[in-house]
Amino acid sequence: MDSIDRAKRRIRVIIEGSRVPEDLRHADNTLKWLLHFEPEADEALQIAALAHDIDRAINEIKVKPTDFDDFDAFKTAHARNGAKILRPILNGFALEQDVVEEACRLVTCHEVGGDPRSNLLKDADSISFFDVNLPLYYEREGWQEAKRRSIWGYRRLSSRAKEIVKNIIYQDETLTRLLKEVIDGRAC
């Protein structure tokens, strides 16, 4: 097993320790969507897809939404903190510095995008929220919060990603209705 594979394995072990039950599934699903859009994605992009929410898995240093008045400010801080956590992990596997720098840059930008690579990661992450996170998020947080978070997530999707999300159907009809309201632009 090479250094890249060992680094990915370590990231997955860390995320598996998250108190949020869907975090590992979300990480793997984000990578799946990234590879759907970019089958030849390089190692930095693949690492970033797996590690983009690593900050949520380390409870002692994770950024909490309650520490912020604004959800976007929270998401920016969460992304920066994730890159800060990821850097020493990757350096511990003696990866090429350009891979480390790019993976950390992508994690920093995964919530807002801004260039083709970080936009790709943002779309993969956002689709994965709807694909795997929303059912458990709804179960924990209820209708109002799940809808608010879904509106935020849907607005940041590219038109290509919106088409994918429009085709998601949940076993729970309530979630399908929630998503339809989000897509149709109905307010909370």
Protein backbone atom coordinates (compact mmCIF):
# COMPACT_ATOMS: atom_id res chain seq x y z
CA MET A 1 0.00 0.00 0.00
CA ASP A 2 1.46 3.35 -1.01
CA SER A 3 1.48 6.61 1.00
CA ILE A 4 -1.63 7.98 -0.72
CA ASP A 5 -3.64 4.87 0.12
CA ARG A 6 -2.41 4.91 3.72
CA ALA A 7 -3.35 8.59 4.02
CA LYS A 8 -6.85 7.88 2.66
CA ARG A 9 -7.23 4.98 5.07
CA ARG A 10 -6.19 7.21 8.00
CA ILE A 11 -8.69 9.90 6.94
CA ARG A 12 -11.47 7.30 6.80
CA VAL A 13 -10.55 5.99 10.29
CA ILE A 14 -10.69 9.52 11.71
CA ILE A 15 -14.04 10.25 10.06
CA GLU A 16 -15.39 6.90 11.22
CA GLY A 17 -14.94 8.22 14.77
CA SER A 18 -17.35 11.10 14.17
CA ARG A 19 -20.38 11.41 16.42
CA VAL A 20 -22.44 12.15 13.30
CA PRO A 21 -23.41 8.67 12.07
CA GLU A 22 -23.53 9.51 8.38
CA ASP A 23 -20.14 11.27 8.16
CA LEU A 24 -18.16 8.31 6.80
CA ARG A 25 -20.90 7.43 4.35
CA HIS A 26 -21.01 11.10 3.28
CA ALA A 27 -17.23 11.17 2.75
CA ASP A 28 -17.32 8.03 0.60
CA ASN A 29 -20.41 9.27 -1.26
CA THR A 30 -18.79 12.64 -1.96
CA LEU A 31 -15.84 10.79 -3.48
CA LYS A 32 -18.28 8.68 -5.53
CA TRP A 33 -19.96 11.81 -6.93
CA LEU A 34 -16.60 13.46 -7.59
CA LEU A 35 -15.52 10.41 -9.61
CA HIS A 36 -18.89 10.41 -11.39
CA PHE A 37 -18.10 13.91 -12.70
CA GLU A 38 -14.34 13.45 -13.05
CA PRO A 39 -13.36 9.76 -13.38
CA GLU A 40 -9.69 10.71 -13.75
CA ALA A 41 -9.62 12.96 -10.65
CA ASP A 42 -6.12 13.28 -9.26
CA GLU A 43 -5.06 12.25 -5.77
CA ALA A 44 -5.39 15.74 -4.25
CA LEU A 45 -9.00 16.01 -5.41
CA GLN A 46 -9.82 12.51 -4.18
CA ILE A 47 -8.24 13.16 -0.79
CA ALA A 48 -10.16 16.43 -0.49
CA ALA A 49 -13.42 14.66 -1.30
CA LEU A 50 -12.84 12.18 1.51
CA ALA A 51 -11.50 14.71 4.02
CA HIS A 52 -13.62 17.80 3.32
CA ASP A 53 -15.62 17.43 6.58
CA ILE A 54 -12.84 15.96 8.73
CA ASP A 55 -13.27 18.78 11.22
CA ARG A 56 -16.64 17.30 12.28
CA ALA A 57 -14.93 14.09 13.38
CA ILE A 58 -12.63 15.70 15.94
CA ASN A 59 -15.00 16.96 18.58
CA GLU A 60 -12.37 18.77 20.67
CA ILE A 61 -11.41 21.15 17.86
CA LYS A 62 -14.37 21.14 15.51
CA VAL A 63 -16.06 24.38 14.57
CA LYS A 64 -19.63 24.59 15.86
CA PRO A 65 -22.49 26.47 14.16
CA THR A 66 -23.59 27.86 17.51
CA ASP A 67 -20.36 29.87 17.64
CA PHE A 68 -21.47 31.96 14.64
CA ASP A 69 -24.32 34.35 13.89
CA ASP A 70 -24.16 33.55 10.19
CA PHE A 71 -24.29 30.06 8.60
CA ASP A 72 -21.92 31.05 5.79
CA ALA A 73 -19.34 32.30 8.32
CA PHE A 74 -19.64 28.97 10.14
CA LYS A 75 -19.14 27.03 6.90
CA THR A 76 -16.07 29.11 6.01
CA ALA A 77 -14.53 28.50 9.43
CA HIS A 78 -15.42 24.78 9.23
CA ALA A 79 -13.63 24.49 5.86
CA ARG A 80 -10.51 26.32 7.08
CA ASN A 81 -10.39 24.19 10.22
CA GLY A 82 -10.69 21.03 8.14
CA ALA A 83 -7.68 22.04 6.05
CA LYS A 84 -5.74 22.87 9.21
CA ILE A 85 -6.48 19.38 10.58
CA LEU A 86 -5.74 17.66 7.28
CA ARG A 87 -2.30 19.20 6.63
CA PRO A 88 -0.34 17.41 9.41
CA ILE A 89 -2.12 14.14 8.64
CA LEU A 90 -0.99 14.29 5.01
CA ASN A 91 2.49 15.50 5.94
CA GLY A 92 2.77 12.50 8.27
CA PHE A 93 2.60 10.24 5.23
CA ALA A 94 5.38 12.13 3.41
CA LEU A 95 3.19 12.94 0.44
CA GLU A 96 4.43 15.25 -2.27
CA GLN A 97 4.00 18.81 -1.06
CA ASP A 98 1.99 19.85 -4.11
CA VAL A 99 -0.57 17.12 -3.31
CA VAL A 100 -0.76 18.27 0.32
CA GLU A 101 -1.14 21.93 -0.65
CA GLU A 102 -3.80 21.27 -3.27
CA ALA A 103 -5.82 18.90 -1.08
CA CYS A 104 -5.80 21.47 1.75
CA ARG A 105 -6.69 24.31 -0.65
CA LEU A 106 -9.62 22.30 -1.95
CA VAL A 107 -10.88 21.51 1.55
CA THR A 108 -10.63 25.23 2.37
CA CYS A 109 -12.72 26.06 -0.72
CA HIS A 110 -15.18 23.15 -0.66
CA GLU A 111 -18.08 25.20 0.73
CA VAL A 112 -17.81 28.13 -1.69
CA GLY A 113 -15.98 26.90 -4.77
CA GLY A 114 -14.48 29.59 -6.95
CA ASP A 115 -12.53 27.62 -9.56
CA PRO A 116 -13.33 24.50 -11.61
CA ARG A 117 -11.73 22.04 -9.16
CA SER A 118 -13.25 23.45 -6.00
CA ASN A 119 -16.60 23.90 -7.79
CA LEU A 120 -16.48 20.20 -8.65
CA LEU A 121 -15.85 19.30 -5.01
CA LYS A 122 -18.61 21.67 -3.86
CA ASP A 123 -21.09 19.97 -6.21
CA ALA A 124 -20.05 16.47 -5.13
CA ASP A 125 -20.38 17.47 -1.46
CA SER A 126 -23.74 19.16 -2.03
CA ILE A 127 -25.24 16.28 -3.99
CA SER A 128 -24.05 13.90 -1.29
CA PHE A 129 -25.89 15.94 1.36
CA PHE A 130 -29.14 15.26 -0.48
CA ASP A 131 -28.16 11.72 -1.45
CA VAL A 132 -27.14 10.40 2.00
CA ASN A 133 -27.22 13.05 4.74
CA LEU A 134 -30.70 14.55 4.53
CA PRO A 135 -32.66 11.59 5.94
CA LEU A 136 -30.60 11.44 9.14
CA TYR A 137 -30.31 15.22 9.34
CA TYR A 138 -34.11 15.45 9.17
CA GLU A 139 -34.45 12.78 11.84
CA ARG A 140 -32.15 14.72 14.20
CA GLU A 141 -33.17 18.30 13.40
CA GLY A 142 -36.78 18.18 12.20
CA TRP A 143 -38.63 19.73 9.26
CA GLN A 144 -37.80 23.43 9.70
CA GLU A 145 -34.05 23.01 10.16
CA ALA A 146 -33.77 20.31 7.48
CA LYS A 147 -35.62 22.54 5.04
CA ARG A 148 -33.51 25.60 5.92
CA ARG A 149 -30.29 23.58 5.44
CA SER A 150 -31.62 22.07 2.21
CA ILE A 151 -32.48 25.48 0.78
CA TRP A 152 -28.96 26.66 1.57
CA GLY A 153 -27.47 23.53 -0.03
CA TYR A 154 -29.69 23.59 -3.10
CA ARG A 155 -28.92 27.23 -3.87
CA ARG A 156 -25.20 26.51 -4.05
CA LEU A 157 -25.55 23.69 -6.60
CA SER A 158 -24.54 24.17 -10.21
CA SER A 159 -27.31 23.68 -12.78
CA ARG A 160 -25.83 20.26 -13.63
CA ALA A 161 -25.94 19.21 -9.96
CA LYS A 162 -29.49 20.58 -9.53
CA GLU A 163 -30.65 18.22 -12.29
CA ILE A 164 -29.21 15.27 -10.36
CA VAL A 165 -30.80 16.35 -7.07
CA LYS A 166 -34.17 16.84 -8.78
CA ASN A 167 -34.19 13.09 -9.48
CA ILE A 168 -33.61 12.00 -5.88
CA ILE A 169 -36.59 10.20 -4.39
CA TYR A 170 -36.61 9.09 -0.77
CA GLN A 171 -38.42 6.11 0.69
CA ASP A 172 -39.92 8.53 3.20
CA GLU A 173 -42.58 10.56 1.36
CA THR A 174 -42.11 13.43 3.83
CA LEU A 175 -38.51 13.88 2.70
CA THR A 176 -39.53 13.72 -0.95
CA ARG A 177 -42.10 16.45 -0.24
CA LEU A 178 -39.50 18.53 1.62
CA LEU A 179 -37.08 18.28 -1.29
CA LYS A 180 -39.81 19.15 -3.78
CA GLU A 181 -40.64 22.29 -1.78
CA VAL A 182 -36.96 23.24 -1.76
CA ILE A 183 -36.65 22.71 -5.52
CA ASP A 184 -39.87 24.62 -6.18
CA GLY A 185 -38.52 27.52 -4.10
CA ARG A 186 -41.19 27.47 -1.40
CA ALA A 187 -40.11 29.37 1.70
CA CYS A 188 -39.79 27.80 5.13
